Amino acid sequence: MSYSQDLCTVGRSGAFQGQVFGLSTGRTVTDENCERLKLSKYLYDMGMKVASVALLCQDVRVHKAMTMAGTPCPYQGKIGAEASLAWQQNPQDRPDYKEAKAKFFKECVGSPNTSGIKKSRRTCAEEFNKGS
């Protein structure tokens, strides 16, 4: 067993003791965000800066923050404006895909198209899937 303070696991345990019988159990729980941060730091330290950022961008909060800052997350080796365009063309790969889709549908359904006719869910789905 390691007693280092630099671990991404937390122990959980519980016990019950009666007059005759006792029972105890325990397990460890891995903190995936902690692992992501450590892996990202190691990649950065090895000079793999884009890979480090890409790993952090798997977190929805980081992905949103990068987008709002005008520095889109890398997408399959593309960075900057190329990555931004690639994310628009492939919305299903976003870590916040379900949330982004729901927000787009909420704003799209019932809004008028270029002819003034209200858009249907199907029209909005087509727009969302082609990256409009």
N, C-alpha and C. Protein backbone atom coordinates (compact mmCIF):
# COMPACT_ATOMS: atom_id res chain seq x y z
N MET A 1 0.84 -1.18 0.00
CA MET A 1 0.00 0.00 0.00
C MET A 1 0.88 1.23 0.00
N SER A 2 0.47 2.24 -0.75
CA SER A 2 1.23 3.47 -0.86
C SER A 2 0.63 4.52 0.08
N TYR A 3 1.49 5.27 0.72
CA TYR A 3 1.03 6.31 1.62
C TYR A 3 1.30 7.70 1.06
N SER A 4 1.54 7.79 -0.24
CA SER A 4 1.80 9.07 -0.88
C SER A 4 0.53 9.92 -0.87
N GLN A 5 0.70 11.22 -0.78
CA GLN A 5 -0.44 12.14 -0.83
C GLN A 5 -0.79 12.50 -2.27
N ASP A 6 -0.03 11.97 -3.23
CA ASP A 6 -0.21 12.32 -4.64
C ASP A 6 -0.94 11.21 -5.39
N LEU A 7 -2.05 10.76 -4.85
CA LEU A 7 -2.82 9.69 -5.47
C LEU A 7 -4.17 10.23 -5.94
N CYS A 8 -4.74 9.58 -6.93
CA CYS A 8 -6.04 9.98 -7.44
C CYS A 8 -7.11 8.97 -7.01
N THR A 9 -6.93 8.40 -5.86
CA THR A 9 -7.91 7.46 -5.33
C THR A 9 -8.29 7.86 -3.91
N VAL A 10 -9.49 7.52 -3.54
CA VAL A 10 -10.00 7.80 -2.20
C VAL A 10 -10.55 6.50 -1.66
N GLY A 11 -10.27 6.21 -0.41
CA GLY A 11 -10.79 5.00 0.22
C GLY A 11 -12.18 5.22 0.80
N ARG A 12 -13.01 4.23 0.67
CA ARG A 12 -14.36 4.24 1.25
C ARG A 12 -14.50 2.96 2.06
N SER A 13 -15.06 3.09 3.24
CA SER A 13 -15.23 1.89 4.05
C SER A 13 -16.44 2.04 4.96
N GLY A 14 -16.91 0.92 5.45
CA GLY A 14 -18.03 0.91 6.37
C GLY A 14 -18.01 -0.37 7.18
N ALA A 15 -18.62 -0.35 8.35
CA ALA A 15 -18.61 -1.52 9.21
C ALA A 15 -19.86 -1.56 10.08
N PHE A 16 -20.22 -2.76 10.49
CA PHE A 16 -21.32 -2.99 11.43
C PHE A 16 -20.86 -4.05 12.40
N GLN A 17 -21.15 -3.84 13.66
CA GLN A 17 -20.79 -4.84 14.66
C GLN A 17 -21.99 -5.07 15.58
N GLY A 18 -22.43 -6.32 15.61
CA GLY A 18 -23.50 -6.71 16.53
C GLY A 18 -22.87 -7.40 17.74
N GLN A 19 -23.70 -8.05 18.57
CA GLN A 19 -23.18 -8.74 19.75
C GLN A 19 -22.39 -9.99 19.37
N VAL A 20 -22.78 -10.64 18.28
CA VAL A 20 -22.13 -11.89 17.90
C VAL A 20 -21.42 -11.78 16.55
N PHE A 21 -21.97 -10.96 15.67
CA PHE A 21 -21.52 -10.96 14.29
C PHE A 21 -21.06 -9.55 13.89
N GLY A 22 -19.99 -9.46 13.12
CA GLY A 22 -19.51 -8.18 12.62
C GLY A 22 -19.26 -8.26 11.12
N LEU A 23 -19.42 -7.15 10.46
CA LEU A 23 -19.24 -7.10 9.01
C LEU A 23 -18.57 -5.78 8.65
N SER A 24 -17.57 -5.85 7.78
CA SER A 24 -16.93 -4.63 7.31
C SER A 24 -16.62 -4.77 5.83
N THR A 25 -16.55 -3.64 5.17
CA THR A 25 -16.25 -3.63 3.75
C THR A 25 -15.48 -2.35 3.41
N GLY A 26 -14.79 -2.39 2.30
CA GLY A 26 -14.05 -1.22 1.87
C GLY A 26 -13.68 -1.32 0.40
N ARG A 27 -13.44 -0.20 -0.20
CA ARG A 27 -13.00 -0.16 -1.60
C ARG A 27 -12.38 1.19 -1.87
N THR A 28 -11.76 1.31 -3.04
CA THR A 28 -11.20 2.60 -3.45
C THR A 28 -12.00 3.14 -4.63
N VAL A 29 -12.08 4.46 -4.70
CA VAL A 29 -12.78 5.14 -5.78
C VAL A 29 -11.75 6.01 -6.50
N THR A 30 -11.70 5.89 -7.81
CA THR A 30 -10.75 6.66 -8.61
C THR A 30 -11.37 7.98 -9.03
N ASP A 31 -10.61 9.05 -8.86
CA ASP A 31 -11.03 10.39 -9.27
C ASP A 31 -10.51 10.62 -10.69
N GLU A 32 -11.40 10.51 -11.69
CA GLU A 32 -10.98 10.63 -13.09
C GLU A 32 -10.48 12.04 -13.42
N ASN A 33 -11.05 13.06 -12.80
CA ASN A 33 -10.59 14.42 -13.07
C ASN A 33 -9.16 14.61 -12.57
N CYS A 34 -8.84 14.05 -11.44
CA CYS A 34 -7.48 14.10 -10.90
C CYS A 34 -6.51 13.41 -11.86
N GLU A 35 -6.90 12.25 -12.37
CA GLU A 35 -6.06 11.53 -13.32
C GLU A 35 -5.85 12.36 -14.59
N ARG A 36 -6.92 13.00 -15.07
CA ARG A 36 -6.83 13.82 -16.28
C ARG A 36 -5.84 14.97 -16.07
N LEU A 37 -5.90 15.61 -14.92
CA LEU A 37 -4.98 16.71 -14.63
C LEU A 37 -3.54 16.24 -14.58
N LYS A 38 -3.29 15.11 -13.94
CA LYS A 38 -1.93 14.57 -13.85
C LYS A 38 -1.40 14.17 -15.22
N LEU A 39 -2.22 13.47 -16.00
CA LEU A 39 -1.78 13.07 -17.33
C LEU A 39 -1.49 14.30 -18.20
N SER A 40 -2.34 15.31 -18.09
CA SER A 40 -2.14 16.53 -18.85
C SER A 40 -0.83 17.21 -18.46
N LYS A 41 -0.54 17.25 -17.18
CA LYS A 41 0.71 17.87 -16.72
C LYS A 41 1.92 17.10 -17.24
N TYR A 42 1.86 15.78 -17.22
CA TYR A 42 2.98 14.98 -17.71
C TYR A 42 3.18 15.18 -19.21
N LEU A 43 2.09 15.24 -19.97
CA LEU A 43 2.21 15.50 -21.41
C LEU A 43 2.82 16.87 -21.67
N TYR A 44 2.38 17.86 -20.92
CA TYR A 44 2.91 19.22 -21.09
C TYR A 44 4.40 19.25 -20.76
N ASP A 45 4.79 18.59 -19.67
CA ASP A 45 6.19 18.55 -19.26
C ASP A 45 7.07 17.87 -20.30
N MET A 46 6.50 16.98 -21.10
CA MET A 46 7.26 16.30 -22.15
C MET A 46 7.22 17.08 -23.47
N GLY A 47 6.63 18.27 -23.47
CA GLY A 47 6.59 19.09 -24.66
C GLY A 47 5.39 18.84 -25.56
N MET A 48 4.47 18.02 -25.13
CA MET A 48 3.29 17.68 -25.92
C MET A 48 2.14 18.62 -25.52
N LYS A 49 2.27 19.90 -25.85
CA LYS A 49 1.33 20.91 -25.39
C LYS A 49 -0.06 20.74 -25.98
N VAL A 50 -0.16 20.45 -27.27
CA VAL A 50 -1.48 20.29 -27.90
C VAL A 50 -2.18 19.06 -27.32
N ALA A 51 -1.44 17.98 -27.12
CA ALA A 51 -2.03 16.77 -26.54
C ALA A 51 -2.49 17.05 -25.11
N SER A 52 -1.74 17.84 -24.38
CA SER A 52 -2.10 18.20 -23.02
C SER A 52 -3.42 18.96 -22.98
N VAL A 53 -3.56 19.94 -23.86
CA VAL A 53 -4.79 20.73 -23.93
C VAL A 53 -5.95 19.85 -24.40
N ALA A 54 -5.69 18.98 -25.39
CA ALA A 54 -6.74 18.10 -25.90
C ALA A 54 -7.27 17.18 -24.80
N LEU A 55 -6.38 16.72 -23.94
CA LEU A 55 -6.80 15.87 -22.83
C LEU A 55 -7.68 16.64 -21.85
N LEU A 56 -7.30 17.85 -21.54
CA LEU A 56 -8.11 18.68 -20.65
C LEU A 56 -9.46 19.01 -21.28
N CYS A 57 -9.49 19.16 -22.59
CA CYS A 57 -10.72 19.53 -23.29
C CYS A 57 -11.77 18.43 -23.28
N GLN A 58 -11.44 17.25 -22.79
CA GLN A 58 -12.44 16.19 -22.65
C GLN A 58 -13.42 16.52 -21.53
N ASP A 59 -13.04 17.45 -20.67
CA ASP A 59 -13.92 17.93 -19.61
C ASP A 59 -14.83 19.00 -20.20
N VAL A 60 -16.12 18.88 -19.99
CA VAL A 60 -17.11 19.81 -20.55
C VAL A 60 -16.80 21.25 -20.16
N ARG A 61 -16.43 21.46 -18.90
CA ARG A 61 -16.17 22.82 -18.41
C ARG A 61 -15.00 23.46 -19.14
N VAL A 62 -13.95 22.68 -19.37
CA VAL A 62 -12.77 23.20 -20.07
C VAL A 62 -13.13 23.50 -21.52
N HIS A 63 -13.87 22.59 -22.14
CA HIS A 63 -14.27 22.77 -23.54
C HIS A 63 -15.07 24.07 -23.71
N LYS A 64 -16.02 24.30 -22.82
CA LYS A 64 -16.81 25.53 -22.88
C LYS A 64 -15.94 26.77 -22.66
N ALA A 65 -15.05 26.70 -21.69
CA ALA A 65 -14.19 27.84 -21.37
C ALA A 65 -13.28 28.18 -22.54
N MET A 66 -12.73 27.16 -23.18
CA MET A 66 -11.85 27.38 -24.32
C MET A 66 -12.63 28.03 -25.47
N THR A 67 -13.85 27.56 -25.70
CA THR A 67 -14.68 28.12 -26.77
C THR A 67 -15.02 29.57 -26.48
N MET A 68 -15.40 29.85 -25.23
CA MET A 68 -15.76 31.23 -24.86
C MET A 68 -14.55 32.16 -24.92
N ALA A 69 -13.36 31.62 -24.70
CA ALA A 69 -12.15 32.44 -24.75
C ALA A 69 -11.66 32.69 -26.17
N GLY A 70 -12.31 32.03 -27.13
CA GLY A 70 -11.90 32.20 -28.52
C GLY A 70 -10.71 31.35 -28.92
N THR A 71 -10.38 30.38 -28.08
CA THR A 71 -9.29 29.45 -28.38
C THR A 71 -9.87 28.03 -28.36
N PRO A 72 -10.42 27.59 -29.48
CA PRO A 72 -11.10 26.29 -29.50
C PRO A 72 -10.15 25.13 -29.18
N CYS A 73 -10.72 24.11 -28.63
CA CYS A 73 -9.95 22.90 -28.32
C CYS A 73 -9.44 22.27 -29.60
N PRO A 74 -8.27 21.61 -29.55
CA PRO A 74 -7.77 20.92 -30.73
C PRO A 74 -8.75 19.84 -31.18
N TYR A 75 -8.82 19.62 -32.49
CA TYR A 75 -9.68 18.57 -33.03
C TYR A 75 -8.88 17.74 -34.03
N GLN A 76 -8.54 16.53 -33.65
CA GLN A 76 -7.81 15.59 -34.49
C GLN A 76 -6.61 16.24 -35.18
N GLY A 77 -5.78 16.89 -34.41
CA GLY A 77 -4.57 17.50 -34.92
C GLY A 77 -4.74 18.91 -35.44
N LYS A 78 -5.95 19.39 -35.55
CA LYS A 78 -6.20 20.75 -36.03
C LYS A 78 -6.27 21.69 -34.84
N ILE A 79 -5.74 22.90 -35.02
CA ILE A 79 -5.80 23.90 -33.96
C ILE A 79 -6.31 25.21 -34.54
N GLY A 80 -6.72 26.13 -33.67
CA GLY A 80 -7.15 27.45 -34.10
C GLY A 80 -8.42 27.43 -34.92
N ALA A 81 -8.43 28.22 -36.00
CA ALA A 81 -9.62 28.35 -36.85
C ALA A 81 -10.01 27.02 -37.50
N GLU A 82 -9.00 26.21 -37.87
CA GLU A 82 -9.29 24.89 -38.46
C GLU A 82 -10.03 24.01 -37.45
N ALA A 83 -9.61 24.05 -36.20
CA ALA A 83 -10.26 23.25 -35.17
C ALA A 83 -11.68 23.74 -34.92
N SER A 84 -11.86 25.05 -34.90
CA SER A 84 -13.19 25.62 -34.70
C SER A 84 -14.15 25.16 -35.78
N LEU A 85 -13.71 25.19 -37.02
CA LEU A 85 -14.53 24.72 -38.14
C LEU A 85 -14.81 23.22 -38.02
N ALA A 86 -13.80 22.46 -37.63
CA ALA A 86 -13.98 21.00 -37.48
C ALA A 86 -14.98 20.68 -36.38
N TRP A 87 -14.97 21.44 -35.26
CA TRP A 87 -15.94 21.21 -34.19
C TRP A 87 -17.35 21.52 -34.68
N GLN A 88 -17.49 22.56 -35.51
CA GLN A 88 -18.81 22.91 -36.05
C GLN A 88 -19.31 21.84 -37.00
N GLN A 89 -18.41 21.25 -37.76
CA GLN A 89 -18.79 20.22 -38.72
C GLN A 89 -19.04 18.87 -38.07
N ASN A 90 -18.52 18.66 -36.87
CA ASN A 90 -18.66 17.39 -36.15
C ASN A 90 -19.16 17.60 -34.73
N PRO A 91 -20.36 18.14 -34.57
CA PRO A 91 -20.85 18.46 -33.22
C PRO A 91 -21.01 17.22 -32.34
N GLN A 92 -21.19 16.05 -32.94
CA GLN A 92 -21.37 14.82 -32.16
C GLN A 92 -20.11 14.45 -31.38
N ASP A 93 -18.97 15.01 -31.71
CA ASP A 93 -17.73 14.71 -31.01
C ASP A 93 -17.48 15.62 -29.81
N ARG A 94 -18.32 16.64 -29.64
CA ARG A 94 -18.15 17.56 -28.52
C ARG A 94 -18.43 16.84 -27.20
N PRO A 95 -17.70 17.17 -26.13
CA PRO A 95 -17.99 16.55 -24.85
C PRO A 95 -19.35 16.98 -24.28
N ASP A 96 -19.85 18.12 -24.73
CA ASP A 96 -21.15 18.61 -24.26
C ASP A 96 -22.21 18.47 -25.35
N TYR A 97 -22.12 17.43 -26.16
CA TYR A 97 -22.99 17.23 -27.31
C TYR A 97 -24.48 17.30 -26.94
N LYS A 98 -24.89 16.54 -25.95
CA LYS A 98 -26.32 16.49 -25.58
C LYS A 98 -26.81 17.86 -25.13
N GLU A 99 -26.03 18.54 -24.33
CA GLU A 99 -26.40 19.87 -23.83
C GLU A 99 -26.46 20.89 -24.97
N ALA A 100 -25.47 20.84 -25.87
CA ALA A 100 -25.45 21.78 -27.00
C ALA A 100 -26.62 21.51 -27.94
N LYS A 101 -26.95 20.25 -28.14
CA LYS A 101 -28.06 19.90 -29.02
C LYS A 101 -29.38 20.39 -28.43
N ALA A 102 -29.58 20.19 -27.13
CA ALA A 102 -30.80 20.63 -26.47
C ALA A 102 -30.94 22.16 -26.55
N LYS A 103 -29.84 22.88 -26.34
CA LYS A 103 -29.88 24.33 -26.41
C LYS A 103 -30.19 24.80 -27.83
N PHE A 104 -29.58 24.16 -28.82
CA PHE A 104 -29.83 24.53 -30.22
C PHE A 104 -31.29 24.30 -30.57
N PHE A 105 -31.85 23.14 -30.17
CA PHE A 105 -33.25 22.83 -30.48
C PHE A 105 -34.20 23.81 -29.81
N LYS A 106 -33.88 24.18 -28.58
CA LYS A 106 -34.74 25.11 -27.85
C LYS A 106 -34.84 26.45 -28.59
N GLU A 107 -33.72 26.91 -29.13
CA GLU A 107 -33.70 28.18 -29.85
C GLU A 107 -34.23 28.04 -31.27
N CYS A 108 -34.07 26.85 -31.87
CA CYS A 108 -34.39 26.67 -33.28
C CYS A 108 -35.86 26.34 -33.55
N VAL A 109 -36.41 25.38 -32.81
CA VAL A 109 -37.78 24.91 -33.08
C VAL A 109 -38.77 26.06 -32.92
N GLY A 110 -39.54 26.30 -33.96
CA GLY A 110 -40.54 27.36 -33.94
C GLY A 110 -40.03 28.70 -34.43
N SER A 111 -38.72 28.83 -34.61
CA SER A 111 -38.20 30.09 -35.14
C SER A 111 -38.44 30.12 -36.65
N PRO A 112 -38.57 31.30 -37.23
CA PRO A 112 -38.86 31.38 -38.66
C PRO A 112 -37.63 31.10 -39.52
N ASN A 113 -37.84 30.42 -40.64
CA ASN A 113 -36.76 30.23 -41.60
C ASN A 113 -36.71 31.43 -42.53
N THR A 114 -35.95 31.34 -43.62
CA THR A 114 -35.80 32.48 -44.53
C THR A 114 -37.11 32.86 -45.21
N SER A 115 -38.04 31.88 -45.33
CA SER A 115 -39.34 32.16 -45.96
C SER A 115 -40.38 32.65 -44.96
N GLY A 116 -40.02 32.68 -43.67
CA GLY A 116 -40.95 33.12 -42.64
C GLY A 116 -41.77 31.99 -42.04
N ILE A 117 -41.54 30.74 -42.47
CA ILE A 117 -42.26 29.58 -41.95
C ILE A 117 -41.51 29.05 -40.73
N LYS A 118 -42.28 28.64 -39.71
CA LYS A 118 -41.67 28.13 -38.50
C LYS A 118 -40.95 26.80 -38.76
N LYS A 119 -39.77 26.67 -38.17
CA LYS A 119 -38.95 25.47 -38.36
C LYS A 119 -39.49 24.31 -37.52
N SER A 120 -39.40 23.11 -38.09
CA SER A 120 -39.81 21.90 -37.37
C SER A 120 -38.59 21.29 -36.68
N ARG A 121 -38.82 20.28 -35.83
CA ARG A 121 -37.71 19.57 -35.18
C ARG A 121 -36.80 18.93 -36.22
N ARG A 122 -37.42 18.41 -37.28
CA ARG A 122 -36.63 17.74 -38.33
C ARG A 122 -35.70 18.74 -39.02
N THR A 123 -36.20 19.91 -39.34
CA THR A 123 -35.39 20.95 -39.97
C THR A 123 -34.25 21.35 -39.05
N CYS A 124 -34.56 21.52 -37.77
CA CYS A 124 -33.54 21.90 -36.80
C CYS A 124 -32.50 20.80 -36.65
N ALA A 125 -32.93 19.54 -36.67
CA ALA A 125 -31.99 18.42 -36.57
C ALA A 125 -31.04 18.42 -37.76
N GLU A 126 -31.57 18.67 -38.94
CA GLU A 126 -30.72 18.73 -40.13
C GLU A 126 -29.71 19.87 -40.03
N GLU A 127 -30.16 21.02 -39.55
CA GLU A 127 -29.25 22.17 -39.38
C GLU A 127 -28.18 21.85 -38.36
N PHE A 128 -28.57 21.25 -37.25
CA PHE A 128 -27.60 20.94 -36.19
C PHE A 128 -26.57 19.93 -36.69
N ASN A 129 -27.03 18.92 -37.40
CA ASN A 129 -26.11 17.86 -37.85
C ASN A 129 -25.16 18.32 -38.94
N LYS A 130 -25.53 19.33 -39.70
CA LYS A 130 -24.59 19.81 -40.71
C LYS A 130 -23.75 20.97 -40.21
N GLY A 131 -23.94 21.34 -38.93
CA GLY A 131 -23.07 22.33 -38.30
C GLY A 131 -23.44 23.77 -38.52
N SER A 132 -24.71 24.06 -38.73
CA SER A 132 -25.13 25.46 -38.93
C SER A 132 -25.19 26.19 -37.62
